[in-house]
Amino acid sequence: MRALKILVVAMGVMIVAGTVALVVVLVQRAGRGGGAPLPPMSLDLPAGSRILGIAAAEGRFAVLVQRPDGDRIVFLDAKTGRPVGEVIPGASVPVR
């Protein structure tokens, strides 16, 4: 009976230690932040343009721009800040 008590106490200590280690790892990973700061970015936009929104996804930024000639979504590379693509909502694109 004594061996069973020792075994139960040891397993209880292991469960507590494992839970504490898991919490420590989760807090460390959550506290890392985004890493390196973003490079300075600039968009060459015509006069009268406005940035309506920004979203990040998979190493890129999507910037919703309202321009005098229509709205656009400009995609920027997060590492370099350079435009990598553009979408014009409502524009018809031939399907190939």
N, C-alpha and C. Protein backbone atom coordinates (compact mmCIF):
# COMPACT_ATOMS: atom_id res chain seq x y z
N MET A 1 0.82 -1.18 0.00
CA MET A 1 0.00 0.00 0.00
C MET A 1 0.87 1.26 0.00
N ARG A 2 1.99 1.17 0.70
CA ARG A 2 2.89 2.33 0.76
C ARG A 2 3.46 2.65 -0.63
N ALA A 3 3.80 1.64 -1.40
CA ALA A 3 4.34 1.85 -2.74
C ALA A 3 3.30 2.50 -3.64
N LEU A 4 2.05 2.15 -3.47
CA LEU A 4 0.98 2.75 -4.26
C LEU A 4 0.82 4.23 -3.94
N LYS A 5 0.91 4.59 -2.66
CA LYS A 5 0.84 6.00 -2.26
C LYS A 5 1.99 6.79 -2.87
N ILE A 6 3.18 6.24 -2.83
CA ILE A 6 4.35 6.92 -3.40
C ILE A 6 4.18 7.10 -4.90
N LEU A 7 3.67 6.09 -5.56
CA LEU A 7 3.44 6.15 -7.00
C LEU A 7 2.40 7.22 -7.35
N VAL A 8 1.32 7.30 -6.59
CA VAL A 8 0.27 8.30 -6.85
C VAL A 8 0.81 9.70 -6.62
N VAL A 9 1.57 9.92 -5.58
CA VAL A 9 2.15 11.23 -5.31
C VAL A 9 3.14 11.61 -6.41
N ALA A 10 3.97 10.68 -6.84
CA ALA A 10 4.94 10.96 -7.90
C ALA A 10 4.24 11.33 -9.21
N MET A 11 3.18 10.61 -9.56
CA MET A 11 2.45 10.93 -10.79
C MET A 11 1.75 12.28 -10.67
N GLY A 12 1.24 12.62 -9.50
CA GLY A 12 0.62 13.93 -9.29
C GLY A 12 1.62 15.05 -9.47
N VAL A 13 2.84 14.85 -8.94
CA VAL A 13 3.91 15.85 -9.11
C VAL A 13 4.27 15.98 -10.59
N MET A 14 4.32 14.87 -11.30
CA MET A 14 4.64 14.93 -12.73
C MET A 14 3.56 15.67 -13.52
N ILE A 15 2.30 15.48 -13.17
CA ILE A 15 1.21 16.18 -13.86
C ILE A 15 1.32 17.68 -13.61
N VAL A 16 1.57 18.07 -12.38
CA VAL A 16 1.72 19.50 -12.06
C VAL A 16 2.92 20.08 -12.79
N ALA A 17 4.05 19.39 -12.79
CA ALA A 17 5.26 19.88 -13.47
C ALA A 17 5.03 20.00 -14.97
N GLY A 18 4.36 19.04 -15.57
CA GLY A 18 4.07 19.09 -17.00
C GLY A 18 3.14 20.25 -17.35
N THR A 19 2.14 20.49 -16.51
CA THR A 19 1.23 21.61 -16.74
C THR A 19 1.97 22.94 -16.64
N VAL A 20 2.82 23.09 -15.64
CA VAL A 20 3.61 24.32 -15.48
C VAL A 20 4.53 24.51 -16.68
N ALA A 21 5.17 23.47 -17.14
CA ALA A 21 6.06 23.58 -18.31
C ALA A 21 5.27 23.98 -19.55
N LEU A 22 4.09 23.43 -19.74
CA LEU A 22 3.26 23.78 -20.88
C LEU A 22 2.85 25.25 -20.84
N VAL A 23 2.46 25.74 -19.67
CA VAL A 23 2.09 27.15 -19.53
C VAL A 23 3.29 28.05 -19.82
N VAL A 24 4.45 27.69 -19.33
CA VAL A 24 5.66 28.49 -19.57
C VAL A 24 5.96 28.56 -21.07
N VAL A 25 5.88 27.46 -21.77
CA VAL A 25 6.16 27.45 -23.20
C VAL A 25 5.13 28.30 -23.96
N LEU A 26 3.86 28.19 -23.62
CA LEU A 26 2.83 28.99 -24.28
C LEU A 26 3.03 30.48 -24.05
N VAL A 27 3.40 30.87 -22.83
CA VAL A 27 3.64 32.29 -22.55
C VAL A 27 4.86 32.79 -23.31
N GLN A 28 5.90 32.00 -23.40
CA GLN A 28 7.09 32.41 -24.14
C GLN A 28 6.78 32.59 -25.62
N ARG A 29 6.03 31.68 -26.21
CA ARG A 29 5.70 31.79 -27.64
C ARG A 29 4.76 32.96 -27.91
N ALA A 30 3.85 33.23 -27.00
CA ALA A 30 2.92 34.34 -27.20
C ALA A 30 3.62 35.69 -27.04
N GLY A 31 4.69 35.73 -26.27
CA GLY A 31 5.39 36.98 -26.01
C GLY A 31 6.44 37.34 -27.05
N ARG A 32 6.64 36.51 -28.04
CA ARG A 32 7.67 36.79 -29.03
C ARG A 32 7.37 38.00 -29.88
N GLY A 33 6.10 38.28 -30.15
CA GLY A 33 5.74 39.41 -31.01
C GLY A 33 5.98 39.08 -32.46
N GLY A 34 6.08 40.11 -33.29
CA GLY A 34 6.22 39.92 -34.72
C GLY A 34 7.64 39.77 -35.19
N GLY A 35 8.62 39.88 -34.29
CA GLY A 35 10.01 39.74 -34.71
C GLY A 35 10.60 41.08 -35.08
N ALA A 36 11.23 41.16 -36.23
CA ALA A 36 11.91 42.38 -36.65
C ALA A 36 10.89 43.46 -37.02
N PRO A 37 11.26 44.72 -36.81
CA PRO A 37 10.34 45.79 -37.19
C PRO A 37 10.17 45.87 -38.70
N LEU A 38 9.06 46.40 -39.12
CA LEU A 38 8.78 46.51 -40.54
C LEU A 38 9.65 47.59 -41.18
N PRO A 39 10.02 47.38 -42.44
CA PRO A 39 10.79 48.41 -43.13
C PRO A 39 9.89 49.58 -43.48
N PRO A 40 10.48 50.77 -43.70
CA PRO A 40 9.64 51.89 -44.14
C PRO A 40 8.98 51.55 -45.49
N MET A 41 7.71 51.86 -45.60
CA MET A 41 6.97 51.54 -46.82
C MET A 41 6.31 52.81 -47.34
N SER A 42 6.25 52.92 -48.64
CA SER A 42 5.51 54.02 -49.24
C SER A 42 4.83 53.53 -50.50
N LEU A 43 3.65 54.05 -50.74
CA LEU A 43 2.89 53.71 -51.95
C LEU A 43 2.82 54.96 -52.81
N ASP A 44 3.10 54.79 -54.08
CA ASP A 44 2.94 55.90 -55.01
C ASP A 44 1.48 55.95 -55.43
N LEU A 45 0.72 56.80 -54.75
CA LEU A 45 -0.71 56.91 -55.01
C LEU A 45 -1.01 58.27 -55.62
N PRO A 46 -1.97 58.32 -56.53
CA PRO A 46 -2.34 59.61 -57.11
C PRO A 46 -3.00 60.51 -56.07
N ALA A 47 -3.00 61.81 -56.35
CA ALA A 47 -3.63 62.77 -55.44
C ALA A 47 -5.10 62.41 -55.26
N GLY A 48 -5.59 62.58 -54.04
CA GLY A 48 -6.99 62.26 -53.75
C GLY A 48 -7.20 60.83 -53.31
N SER A 49 -6.14 60.04 -53.21
CA SER A 49 -6.28 58.64 -52.79
C SER A 49 -6.32 58.56 -51.27
N ARG A 50 -7.00 57.52 -50.78
CA ARG A 50 -7.07 57.28 -49.34
C ARG A 50 -6.87 55.81 -49.06
N ILE A 51 -6.19 55.49 -47.99
CA ILE A 51 -6.05 54.11 -47.54
C ILE A 51 -7.22 53.83 -46.61
N LEU A 52 -8.04 52.84 -46.99
CA LEU A 52 -9.24 52.52 -46.22
C LEU A 52 -9.02 51.41 -45.21
N GLY A 53 -8.05 50.53 -45.47
CA GLY A 53 -7.82 49.43 -44.55
C GLY A 53 -6.57 48.66 -44.89
N ILE A 54 -6.05 47.95 -43.89
CA ILE A 54 -4.85 47.14 -44.06
C ILE A 54 -5.09 45.80 -43.36
N ALA A 55 -4.67 44.72 -44.01
CA ALA A 55 -4.76 43.38 -43.42
C ALA A 55 -3.48 42.63 -43.74
N ALA A 56 -3.05 41.77 -42.81
CA ALA A 56 -1.83 40.99 -43.01
C ALA A 56 -2.19 39.53 -43.23
N ALA A 57 -1.43 38.88 -44.15
CA ALA A 57 -1.64 37.46 -44.41
C ALA A 57 -0.41 36.88 -45.08
N GLU A 58 0.15 35.83 -44.47
CA GLU A 58 1.23 35.03 -45.05
C GLU A 58 2.38 35.85 -45.63
N GLY A 59 2.96 36.72 -44.83
CA GLY A 59 4.12 37.48 -45.28
C GLY A 59 3.81 38.62 -46.22
N ARG A 60 2.54 38.99 -46.32
CA ARG A 60 2.14 40.10 -47.18
C ARG A 60 1.13 40.97 -46.46
N PHE A 61 1.01 42.19 -46.95
CA PHE A 61 -0.02 43.10 -46.48
C PHE A 61 -0.95 43.41 -47.63
N ALA A 62 -2.23 43.41 -47.35
CA ALA A 62 -3.23 43.83 -48.33
C ALA A 62 -3.70 45.21 -47.91
N VAL A 63 -3.57 46.19 -48.79
CA VAL A 63 -3.95 47.56 -48.50
C VAL A 63 -5.11 47.93 -49.41
N LEU A 64 -6.25 48.27 -48.81
CA LEU A 64 -7.41 48.70 -49.58
C LEU A 64 -7.28 50.20 -49.81
N VAL A 65 -7.19 50.59 -51.08
CA VAL A 65 -6.95 51.98 -51.45
C VAL A 65 -8.14 52.49 -52.25
N GLN A 66 -8.64 53.66 -51.85
CA GLN A 66 -9.70 54.32 -52.61
C GLN A 66 -9.03 55.41 -53.45
N ARG A 67 -9.08 55.21 -54.77
CA ARG A 67 -8.45 56.16 -55.70
C ARG A 67 -9.53 56.86 -56.51
N PRO A 68 -9.19 58.00 -57.10
CA PRO A 68 -10.18 58.70 -57.93
C PRO A 68 -10.70 57.84 -59.09
N ASP A 69 -9.87 56.92 -59.60
CA ASP A 69 -10.29 56.08 -60.72
C ASP A 69 -10.87 54.73 -60.27
N GLY A 70 -11.10 54.55 -58.97
CA GLY A 70 -11.70 53.32 -58.46
C GLY A 70 -10.89 52.70 -57.34
N ASP A 71 -11.55 51.83 -56.58
CA ASP A 71 -10.89 51.16 -55.46
C ASP A 71 -9.95 50.08 -55.97
N ARG A 72 -8.91 49.82 -55.19
CA ARG A 72 -7.94 48.76 -55.51
C ARG A 72 -7.45 48.13 -54.22
N ILE A 73 -7.00 46.90 -54.34
CA ILE A 73 -6.32 46.21 -53.24
C ILE A 73 -4.89 46.00 -53.69
N VAL A 74 -3.96 46.60 -52.98
CA VAL A 74 -2.54 46.50 -53.32
C VAL A 74 -1.89 45.56 -52.31
N PHE A 75 -1.13 44.58 -52.81
CA PHE A 75 -0.44 43.63 -51.96
C PHE A 75 1.02 44.02 -51.85
N LEU A 76 1.52 44.13 -50.60
CA LEU A 76 2.91 44.50 -50.34
C LEU A 76 3.63 43.34 -49.67
N ASP A 77 4.88 43.11 -50.04
CA ASP A 77 5.72 42.13 -49.37
C ASP A 77 6.08 42.68 -48.00
N ALA A 78 5.88 41.90 -46.94
CA ALA A 78 6.11 42.38 -45.58
C ALA A 78 7.59 42.60 -45.29
N LYS A 79 8.48 41.88 -45.95
CA LYS A 79 9.91 42.02 -45.68
C LYS A 79 10.51 43.22 -46.39
N THR A 80 10.11 43.47 -47.62
CA THR A 80 10.72 44.53 -48.41
C THR A 80 9.86 45.78 -48.50
N GLY A 81 8.55 45.64 -48.32
CA GLY A 81 7.66 46.78 -48.46
C GLY A 81 7.31 47.11 -49.90
N ARG A 82 7.71 46.29 -50.83
CA ARG A 82 7.46 46.56 -52.24
C ARG A 82 6.13 45.94 -52.69
N PRO A 83 5.43 46.62 -53.59
CA PRO A 83 4.18 46.04 -54.12
C PRO A 83 4.47 44.77 -54.90
N VAL A 84 3.65 43.73 -54.66
CA VAL A 84 3.81 42.46 -55.37
C VAL A 84 2.59 42.10 -56.20
N GLY A 85 1.53 42.87 -56.06
CA GLY A 85 0.34 42.59 -56.84
C GLY A 85 -0.74 43.60 -56.57
N GLU A 86 -1.75 43.58 -57.41
CA GLU A 86 -2.85 44.52 -57.29
C GLU A 86 -4.14 43.87 -57.81
N VAL A 87 -5.22 44.13 -57.11
CA VAL A 87 -6.53 43.62 -57.52
C VAL A 87 -7.47 44.81 -57.67
N ILE A 88 -8.19 44.83 -58.76
CA ILE A 88 -9.19 45.86 -58.98
C ILE A 88 -10.56 45.19 -58.84
N PRO A 89 -11.24 45.43 -57.74
CA PRO A 89 -12.55 44.78 -57.53
C PRO A 89 -13.54 45.17 -58.63
N GLY A 90 -14.26 44.20 -59.13
CA GLY A 90 -15.25 44.44 -60.15
C GLY A 90 -14.72 44.44 -61.56
N ALA A 91 -13.40 44.39 -61.74
CA ALA A 91 -12.83 44.36 -63.09
C ALA A 91 -12.99 42.96 -63.65
N SER A 92 -13.37 42.89 -64.91
CA SER A 92 -13.52 41.57 -65.53
C SER A 92 -12.17 41.12 -66.06
N VAL A 93 -11.80 39.93 -65.66
CA VAL A 93 -10.54 39.33 -66.08
C VAL A 93 -10.85 38.09 -66.89
N PRO A 94 -10.28 37.96 -68.08
CA PRO A 94 -10.55 36.75 -68.87
C PRO A 94 -10.04 35.50 -68.16
N VAL A 95 -10.83 34.45 -68.18
CA VAL A 95 -10.44 33.18 -67.57
C VAL A 95 -9.79 32.31 -68.63
N ARG A 96 -8.64 31.76 -68.31
CA ARG A 96 -7.91 30.92 -69.27
C ARG A 96 -7.80 29.51 -68.77
